Amino acid sequence: MVCAMRSTRGTADVSAAAILEIEHLNVQFATPDGALPAVNEFSLTVHAGECIGIVGESGAGKSQSFLAVMGLLASNATVSGSARLEGLELLSAALRGSRAWSCCSVRLKS
């Protein structure tokens, strides 16, 4: 299980539009023995001023969740769900490998 821990320090405006919204994210990997689920129904919303810490046991899917959002998973991965950065859908096949996608992945790091 992956859990998000939130710290706002009094500056977050949760009534404003979200900066990052991840909804029902699923990641699985094709293996010779069949599909291996890595992330199941992960959802998260981040508003301006929030700091989020992602915690979970080893192998819970923390890294795979955000690698999926940035489009950096291995070629045998399948991703479903939604991830939006300021309203722009990041999991769209049209963005993968495009210049717009590179801009989005850099913005996630800042």
Protein backbone atom coordinates (compact mmCIF):
# COMPACT_ATOMS: atom_id res chain seq x y z
CA MET A 1 0.00 0.00 0.00
CA VAL A 2 1.24 3.47 -0.91
CA CYS A 3 0.19 6.39 1.25
CA ALA A 4 0.55 10.15 0.75
CA MET A 5 1.32 12.27 3.79
CA ARG A 6 0.37 15.92 3.50
CA SER A 7 1.93 19.05 5.02
CA THR A 8 0.49 22.43 4.11
CA ARG A 9 2.09 24.74 6.70
CA GLY A 10 -0.94 27.01 6.32
CA THR A 11 -0.20 28.04 2.71
CA ALA A 12 -2.23 25.55 0.66
CA ASP A 13 -5.46 26.60 -1.00
CA VAL A 14 -7.31 23.32 -1.42
CA SER A 15 -10.29 25.18 -2.92
CA ALA A 16 -8.10 26.22 -5.89
CA ALA A 17 -7.54 23.99 -8.90
CA ALA A 18 -5.13 21.15 -8.30
CA ILE A 19 -1.61 21.37 -9.69
CA LEU A 20 -1.21 17.59 -9.96
CA GLU A 21 -4.07 15.09 -10.04
CA ILE A 22 -3.48 11.36 -10.29
CA GLU A 23 -6.63 9.25 -10.45
CA HIS A 24 -7.04 5.47 -10.50
CA LEU A 25 -3.47 4.87 -11.67
CA ASN A 26 -2.71 1.22 -12.48
CA VAL A 27 0.63 -0.15 -13.64
CA GLN A 28 1.35 -3.72 -14.65
CA PHE A 29 4.26 -5.43 -16.32
CA ALA A 30 4.04 -8.19 -18.92
CA THR A 31 6.14 -11.21 -17.93
CA PRO A 32 6.49 -14.70 -19.41
CA ASP A 33 4.24 -15.90 -16.57
CA GLY A 34 1.53 -13.28 -17.22
CA ALA A 35 0.75 -9.76 -16.05
CA LEU A 36 2.42 -8.61 -12.83
CA PRO A 37 0.48 -5.78 -11.12
CA ALA A 38 2.73 -3.11 -9.60
CA VAL A 39 0.29 -0.26 -8.79
CA ASN A 40 -3.44 -0.63 -8.15
CA GLU A 41 -5.88 2.30 -8.10
CA PHE A 42 -3.46 4.96 -6.80
CA SER A 43 -4.99 8.45 -6.54
CA LEU A 44 -3.49 11.71 -5.31
CA THR A 45 -4.27 15.43 -5.56
CA VAL A 46 -1.70 18.16 -4.89
CA HIS A 47 -2.67 21.82 -4.53
CA ALA A 48 -0.44 24.91 -4.54
CA GLY A 49 1.51 25.19 -1.30
CA GLU A 50 1.26 21.52 -0.38
CA CYS A 51 4.21 19.25 0.28
CA ILE A 52 3.54 15.56 -0.24
CA GLY A 53 5.57 12.67 1.10
CA ILE A 54 4.94 9.26 -0.45
CA VAL A 55 5.53 6.38 1.95
CA GLY A 56 5.09 2.63 1.74
CA GLU A 57 6.83 -0.68 2.10
CA SER A 58 9.54 -1.76 -0.29
CA GLY A 59 7.87 -2.90 -3.50
CA ALA A 60 4.61 -1.07 -2.77
CA GLY A 61 4.71 0.88 -6.04
CA LYS A 62 5.97 4.31 -4.99
CA SER A 63 8.62 4.63 -7.69
CA GLN A 64 6.56 2.89 -10.37
CA SER A 65 3.68 5.33 -9.75
CA PHE A 66 5.76 8.39 -10.49
CA LEU A 67 7.82 6.79 -13.24
CA ALA A 68 4.47 6.08 -14.92
CA VAL A 69 3.38 9.72 -14.54
CA MET A 70 6.66 10.87 -16.13
CA GLY A 71 6.47 8.29 -18.94
CA LEU A 72 9.67 6.56 -17.86
CA LEU A 73 8.53 2.96 -17.34
CA ALA A 74 10.06 -0.08 -19.01
CA SER A 75 8.69 -1.07 -22.42
CA ASN A 76 6.79 -4.06 -20.98
CA ALA A 77 4.67 -1.80 -18.75
CA THR A 78 0.99 -1.05 -19.25
CA VAL A 79 -0.50 2.05 -17.60
CA SER A 80 -4.11 3.06 -17.11
CA GLY A 81 -5.79 5.85 -15.20
CA SER A 82 -5.24 9.58 -15.38
CA ALA A 83 -2.46 11.98 -14.39
CA ARG A 84 -2.93 15.71 -15.02
CA LEU A 85 -0.42 18.51 -14.46
CA GLU A 86 -2.27 21.83 -14.40
CA GLY A 87 -5.02 20.16 -16.43
CA LEU A 88 -2.72 18.62 -19.07
CA GLU A 89 -3.19 14.83 -19.31
CA LEU A 90 0.26 13.30 -18.92
CA LEU A 91 -0.64 9.70 -19.70
CA SER A 92 -1.88 10.54 -23.19
CA ALA A 93 -0.15 8.48 -25.89
CA ALA A 94 0.11 11.67 -27.95
CA LEU A 95 2.42 13.23 -25.33
CA ARG A 96 4.76 10.27 -24.90
CA GLY A 97 8.07 11.03 -26.58
CA SER A 98 7.00 14.53 -27.60
CA ARG A 99 8.57 17.85 -26.75
CA ALA A 100 5.52 18.76 -24.61
CA TRP A 101 6.06 15.60 -22.56
CA SER A 102 9.69 16.56 -21.88
CA CYS A 103 8.57 19.97 -20.61
CA CYS A 104 6.02 18.37 -18.29
CA SER A 105 8.48 15.89 -16.78
CA VAL A 106 10.93 18.71 -16.03
CA ARG A 107 8.17 20.78 -14.42
CA LEU A 108 7.29 17.89 -12.10
CA LYS A 109 10.81 17.99 -10.67
CA SER A 110 10.74 21.68 -9.76
